[in-house]
Amino acid sequence: MTVQYILDLLAHGETVDEILLEYKGLKEEDILACLLYASETLEDTTFMPLVEVEAV
């Protein structure tokens, strides 16, 4: 099971409790680790606003 899979479940509305019931090998700490990994991965990302440029 991948971090992306767990994040996708959460993004689509699954709760931590629902995930834990479905996947007996997981612990709450595993799911929290996925969220921490995603947070740390995005930490060094620079986001620039998209600006619409009008044609002259």
PDB file of N, CA and C in Angstrom:
ATOM      1  N   MET A   1       0.852  -1.158   0.000  1.00  0.00           N
ATOM      2  CA  MET A   1       0.000   0.000   0.000  1.00  0.00           C
ATOM      3  C   MET A   1       0.911   1.237   0.000  1.00  0.00           C
ATOM      4  N   THR A   2       0.585   2.197  -0.843  1.00  0.00           N
ATOM      5  CA  THR A   2       1.449   3.364  -0.991  1.00  0.00           C
ATOM      6  C   THR A   2       0.901   4.573  -0.238  1.00  0.00           C
ATOM      7  N   VAL A   3       1.787   5.533  -0.027  1.00  0.00           N
ATOM      8  CA  VAL A   3       1.383   6.806   0.579  1.00  0.00           C
ATOM      9  C   VAL A   3       0.318   7.452  -0.296  1.00  0.00           C
ATOM     10  N   GLN A   4       0.536   7.439  -1.604  1.00  0.00           N
ATOM     11  CA  GLN A   4      -0.427   8.054  -2.514  1.00  0.00           C
ATOM     12  C   GLN A   4      -1.806   7.423  -2.368  1.00  0.00           C
ATOM     13  N   TYR A   5      -1.858   6.102  -2.219  1.00  0.00           N
ATOM     14  CA  TYR A   5      -3.135   5.402  -2.077  1.00  0.00           C
ATOM     15  C   TYR A   5      -3.874   5.861  -0.817  1.00  0.00           C
ATOM     16  N   ILE A   6      -3.154   5.954   0.287  1.00  0.00           N
ATOM     17  CA  ILE A   6      -3.766   6.403   1.548  1.00  0.00           C
ATOM     18  C   ILE A   6      -4.248   7.845   1.411  1.00  0.00           C
ATOM     19  N   LEU A   7      -3.424   8.706   0.827  1.00  0.00           N
ATOM     20  CA  LEU A   7      -3.825  10.104   0.647  1.00  0.00           C
ATOM     21  C   LEU A   7      -5.041  10.214  -0.263  1.00  0.00           C
ATOM     22  N   ASP A   8      -5.089   9.374  -1.290  1.00  0.00           N
ATOM     23  CA  ASP A   8      -6.229   9.374  -2.198  1.00  0.00           C
ATOM     24  C   ASP A   8      -7.512   8.971  -1.467  1.00  0.00           C
ATOM     25  N   LEU A   9      -7.417   7.967  -0.609  1.00  0.00           N
ATOM     26  CA  LEU A   9      -8.583   7.567   0.187  1.00  0.00           C
ATOM     27  C   LEU A   9      -9.075   8.730   1.045  1.00  0.00           C
ATOM     28  N   LEU A  10      -8.153   9.392   1.706  1.00  0.00           N
ATOM     29  CA  LEU A  10      -8.525  10.536   2.548  1.00  0.00           C
ATOM     30  C   LEU A  10      -9.112  11.668   1.715  1.00  0.00           C
ATOM     31  N   ALA A  11      -8.518  11.933   0.562  1.00  0.00           N
ATOM     32  CA  ALA A  11      -8.992  13.010  -0.305  1.00  0.00           C
ATOM     33  C   ALA A  11     -10.396  12.738  -0.834  1.00  0.00           C
ATOM     34  N   HIS A  12     -10.750  11.466  -0.940  1.00  0.00           N
ATOM     35  CA  HIS A  12     -12.080  11.114  -1.436  1.00  0.00           C
ATOM     36  C   HIS A  12     -13.087  10.888  -0.303  1.00  0.00           C
ATOM     37  N   GLY A  13     -12.737  11.325   0.894  1.00  0.00           N
ATOM     38  CA  GLY A  13     -13.705  11.340   1.977  1.00  0.00           C
ATOM     39  C   GLY A  13     -13.666  10.196   2.956  1.00  0.00           C
ATOM     40  N   GLU A  14     -12.774   9.240   2.753  1.00  0.00           N
ATOM     41  CA  GLU A  14     -12.667   8.160   3.736  1.00  0.00           C
ATOM     42  C   GLU A  14     -12.124   8.729   5.046  1.00  0.00           C
ATOM     43  N   THR A  15     -12.625   8.247   6.141  1.00  0.00           N
ATOM     44  CA  THR A  15     -12.103   8.671   7.431  1.00  0.00           C
ATOM     45  C   THR A  15     -10.976   7.735   7.850  1.00  0.00           C
ATOM     46  N   VAL A  16     -10.207   8.184   8.802  1.00  0.00           N
ATOM     47  CA  VAL A  16      -9.132   7.344   9.337  1.00  0.00           C
ATOM     48  C   VAL A  16      -9.728   6.050   9.886  1.00  0.00           C
ATOM     49  N   ASP A  17     -10.813   6.149  10.611  1.00  0.00           N
ATOM     50  CA  ASP A  17     -11.442   4.951  11.181  1.00  0.00           C
ATOM     51  C   ASP A  17     -11.909   3.988  10.098  1.00  0.00           C
ATOM     52  N   GLU A  18     -12.474   4.508   9.003  1.00  0.00           N
ATOM     53  CA  GLU A  18     -12.920   3.639   7.912  1.00  0.00           C
ATOM     54  C   GLU A  18     -11.735   2.921   7.259  1.00  0.00           C
ATOM     55  N   ILE A  19     -10.653   3.637   7.083  1.00  0.00           N
ATOM     56  CA  ILE A  19      -9.457   3.035   6.487  1.00  0.00           C
ATOM     57  C   ILE A  19      -8.904   1.945   7.396  1.00  0.00           C
ATOM     58  N   LEU A  20      -8.862   2.228   8.680  1.00  0.00           N
ATOM     59  CA  LEU A  20      -8.340   1.241   9.633  1.00  0.00           C
ATOM     60  C   LEU A  20      -9.209  -0.014   9.688  1.00  0.00           C
ATOM     61  N   LEU A  21     -10.519   0.146   9.535  1.00  0.00           N
ATOM     62  CA  LEU A  21     -11.409  -1.018   9.514  1.00  0.00           C
ATOM     63  C   LEU A  21     -11.201  -1.859   8.259  1.00  0.00           C
ATOM     64  N   GLU A  22     -10.954  -1.192   7.137  1.00  0.00           N
ATOM     65  CA  GLU A  22     -10.793  -1.896   5.864  1.00  0.00           C
ATOM     66  C   GLU A  22      -9.430  -2.570   5.742  1.00  0.00           C
ATOM     67  N   TYR A  23      -8.402  -1.941   6.258  1.00  0.00           N
ATOM     68  CA  TYR A  23      -7.028  -2.450   6.107  1.00  0.00           C
ATOM     69  C   TYR A  23      -6.467  -2.755   7.493  1.00  0.00           C
ATOM     70  N   LYS A  24      -6.681  -3.970   7.923  1.00  0.00           N
ATOM     71  CA  LYS A  24      -6.378  -4.382   9.300  1.00  0.00           C
ATOM     72  C   LYS A  24      -4.913  -4.233   9.697  1.00  0.00           C
ATOM     73  N   GLY A  25      -4.000  -4.250   8.741  1.00  0.00           N
ATOM     74  CA  GLY A  25      -2.581  -4.142   9.075  1.00  0.00           C
ATOM     75  C   GLY A  25      -2.121  -2.726   9.377  1.00  0.00           C
ATOM     76  N   LEU A  26      -2.948  -1.747   9.052  1.00  0.00           N
ATOM     77  CA  LEU A  26      -2.566  -0.349   9.268  1.00  0.00           C
ATOM     78  C   LEU A  26      -2.860   0.100  10.686  1.00  0.00           C
ATOM     79  N   LYS A  27      -2.096   1.075  11.114  1.00  0.00           N
ATOM     80  CA  LYS A  27      -2.334   1.727  12.400  1.00  0.00           C
ATOM     81  C   LYS A  27      -2.555   3.208  12.132  1.00  0.00           C
ATOM     82  N   GLU A  28      -3.162   3.885  13.064  1.00  0.00           N
ATOM     83  CA  GLU A  28      -3.395   5.327  12.910  1.00  0.00           C
ATOM     84  C   GLU A  28      -2.084   6.062  12.661  1.00  0.00           C
ATOM     85  N   GLU A  29      -1.016   5.612  13.303  1.00  0.00           N
ATOM     86  CA  GLU A  29       0.291   6.247  13.128  1.00  0.00           C
ATOM     87  C   GLU A  29       0.767   6.162  11.679  1.00  0.00           C
ATOM     88  N   ASP A  30       0.402   5.079  10.988  1.00  0.00           N
ATOM     89  CA  ASP A  30       0.778   4.922   9.578  1.00  0.00           C
ATOM     90  C   ASP A  30       0.113   5.985   8.713  1.00  0.00           C
ATOM     91  N   ILE A  31      -1.150   6.234   8.986  1.00  0.00           N
ATOM     92  CA  ILE A  31      -1.888   7.232   8.217  1.00  0.00           C
ATOM     93  C   ILE A  31      -1.354   8.630   8.519  1.00  0.00           C
ATOM     94  N   LEU A  32      -1.077   8.899   9.775  1.00  0.00           N
ATOM     95  CA  LEU A  32      -0.502  10.195  10.139  1.00  0.00           C
ATOM     96  C   LEU A  32       0.878  10.377   9.508  1.00  0.00           C
ATOM     97  N   ALA A  33       1.629   9.305   9.387  1.00  0.00           N
ATOM     98  CA  ALA A  33       2.938   9.378   8.729  1.00  0.00           C
ATOM     99  C   ALA A  33       2.784   9.734   7.251  1.00  0.00           C
ATOM    100  N   CYS A  34       1.736   9.243   6.606  1.00  0.00           N
ATOM    101  CA  CYS A  34       1.467   9.606   5.209  1.00  0.00           C
ATOM    102  C   CYS A  34       1.191  11.097   5.084  1.00  0.00           C
ATOM    103  N   LEU A  35       0.418  11.629   6.006  1.00  0.00           N
ATOM    104  CA  LEU A  35       0.124  13.064   5.980  1.00  0.00           C
ATOM    105  C   LEU A  35       1.378  13.889   6.244  1.00  0.00           C
ATOM    106  N   LEU A  36       2.200  13.442   7.161  1.00  0.00           N
ATOM    107  CA  LEU A  36       3.448  14.141   7.453  1.00  0.00           C
ATOM    108  C   LEU A  36       4.374  14.110   6.241  1.00  0.00           C
ATOM    109  N   TYR A  37       4.459  12.969   5.588  1.00  0.00           N
ATOM    110  CA  TYR A  37       5.294  12.846   4.396  1.00  0.00           C
ATOM    111  C   TYR A  37       4.826  13.821   3.311  1.00  0.00           C
ATOM    112  N   ALA A  38       3.532  13.889   3.080  1.00  0.00           N
ATOM    113  CA  ALA A  38       2.994  14.805   2.076  1.00  0.00           C
ATOM    114  C   ALA A  38       3.301  16.251   2.442  1.00  0.00           C
ATOM    115  N   SER A  39       3.146  16.584   3.695  1.00  0.00           N
ATOM    116  CA  SER A  39       3.423  17.933   4.161  1.00  0.00           C
ATOM    117  C   SER A  39       4.887  18.306   3.965  1.00  0.00           C
ATOM    118  N   GLU A  40       5.776  17.406   4.334  1.00  0.00           N
ATOM    119  CA  GLU A  40       7.210  17.680   4.209  1.00  0.00           C
ATOM    120  C   GLU A  40       7.646  17.711   2.737  1.00  0.00           C
ATOM    121  N   THR A  41       7.008  16.910   1.905  1.00  0.00           N
ATOM    122  CA  THR A  41       7.327  16.901   0.487  1.00  0.00           C
ATOM    123  C   THR A  41       6.977  18.240  -0.152  1.00  0.00           C
ATOM    124  N   LEU A  42       5.892  18.829   0.261  1.00  0.00           N
ATOM    125  CA  LEU A  42       5.438  20.099  -0.311  1.00  0.00           C
ATOM    126  C   LEU A  42       6.088  21.317   0.339  1.00  0.00           C
ATOM    127  N   GLU A  43       6.766  21.110   1.430  1.00  0.00           N
ATOM    128  CA  GLU A  43       7.329  22.219   2.197  1.00  0.00           C
ATOM    129  C   GLU A  43       8.293  23.072   1.372  1.00  0.00           C
ATOM    130  N   ASP A  44       9.115  22.458   0.557  1.00  0.00           N
ATOM    131  CA  ASP A  44      10.105  23.198  -0.216  1.00  0.00           C
ATOM    132  C   ASP A  44       9.620  23.585  -1.610  1.00  0.00           C
ATOM    133  N   THR A  45       8.338  23.422  -1.849  1.00  0.00           N
ATOM    134  CA  THR A  45       7.781  23.751  -3.156  1.00  0.00           C
ATOM    135  C   THR A  45       7.388  25.219  -3.176  1.00  0.00           C
ATOM    136  N   THR A  46       7.804  25.894  -4.220  1.00  0.00           N
ATOM    137  CA  THR A  46       7.446  27.291  -4.390  1.00  0.00           C
ATOM    138  C   THR A  46       6.267  27.362  -5.354  1.00  0.00           C
ATOM    139  N   PHE A  47       5.217  28.007  -4.905  1.00  0.00           N
ATOM    140  CA  PHE A  47       4.046  28.175  -5.745  1.00  0.00           C
ATOM    141  C   PHE A  47       4.008  29.609  -6.254  1.00  0.00           C
ATOM    142  N   MET A  48       3.844  29.733  -7.542  1.00  0.00           N
ATOM    143  CA  MET A  48       3.761  31.050  -8.170  1.00  0.00           C
ATOM    144  C   MET A  48       2.348  31.200  -8.721  1.00  0.00           C
ATOM    145  N   PRO A  49       1.726  32.347  -8.479  1.00  0.00           N
ATOM    146  CA  PRO A  49       0.378  32.537  -9.031  1.00  0.00           C
ATOM    147  C   PRO A  49       0.434  32.615 -10.561  1.00  0.00           C
ATOM    148  N   LEU A  50      -0.570  32.046 -11.185  1.00  0.00           N
ATOM    149  CA  LEU A  50      -0.663  32.149 -12.644  1.00  0.00           C
ATOM    150  C   LEU A  50      -1.291  33.493 -12.982  1.00  0.00           C
ATOM    151  N   VAL A  51      -0.675  34.197 -13.872  1.00  0.00           N
ATOM    152  CA  VAL A  51      -1.168  35.511 -14.274  1.00  0.00           C
ATOM    153  C   VAL A  51      -1.564  35.435 -15.735  1.00  0.00           C
ATOM    154  N   GLU A  52      -2.797  35.843 -16.003  1.00  0.00           N
ATOM    155  CA  GLU A  52      -3.268  35.843 -17.374  1.00  0.00           C
ATOM    156  C   GLU A  52      -2.666  37.046 -18.103  1.00  0.00           C
ATOM    157  N   VAL A  53      -2.024  36.788 -19.217  1.00  0.00           N
ATOM    158  CA  VAL A  53      -1.412  37.844 -20.001  1.00  0.00           C
ATOM    159  C   VAL A  53      -2.315  38.112 -21.204  1.00  0.00           C
ATOM    160  N   GLU A  54      -2.711  39.390 -21.354  1.00  0.00           N
ATOM    161  CA  GLU A  54      -3.570  39.745 -22.479  1.00  0.00           C
ATOM    162  C   GLU A  54      -2.740  39.949 -23.720  1.00  0.00           C
ATOM    163  N   ALA A  55      -3.256  39.430 -24.836  1.00  0.00           N
ATOM    164  CA  ALA A  55      -2.565  39.611 -26.118  1.00  0.00           C
ATOM    165  C   ALA A  55      -2.724  41.065 -26.569  1.00  0.00           C
ATOM    166  N   VAL A  56      -1.654  41.609 -27.098  1.00  0.00           N
ATOM    167  CA  VAL A  56      -1.664  42.997 -27.560  1.00  0.00           C
ATOM    168  C   VAL A  56      -1.821  43.051 -29.054  1.00  0.00           C
TER     169      VAL A  56
END
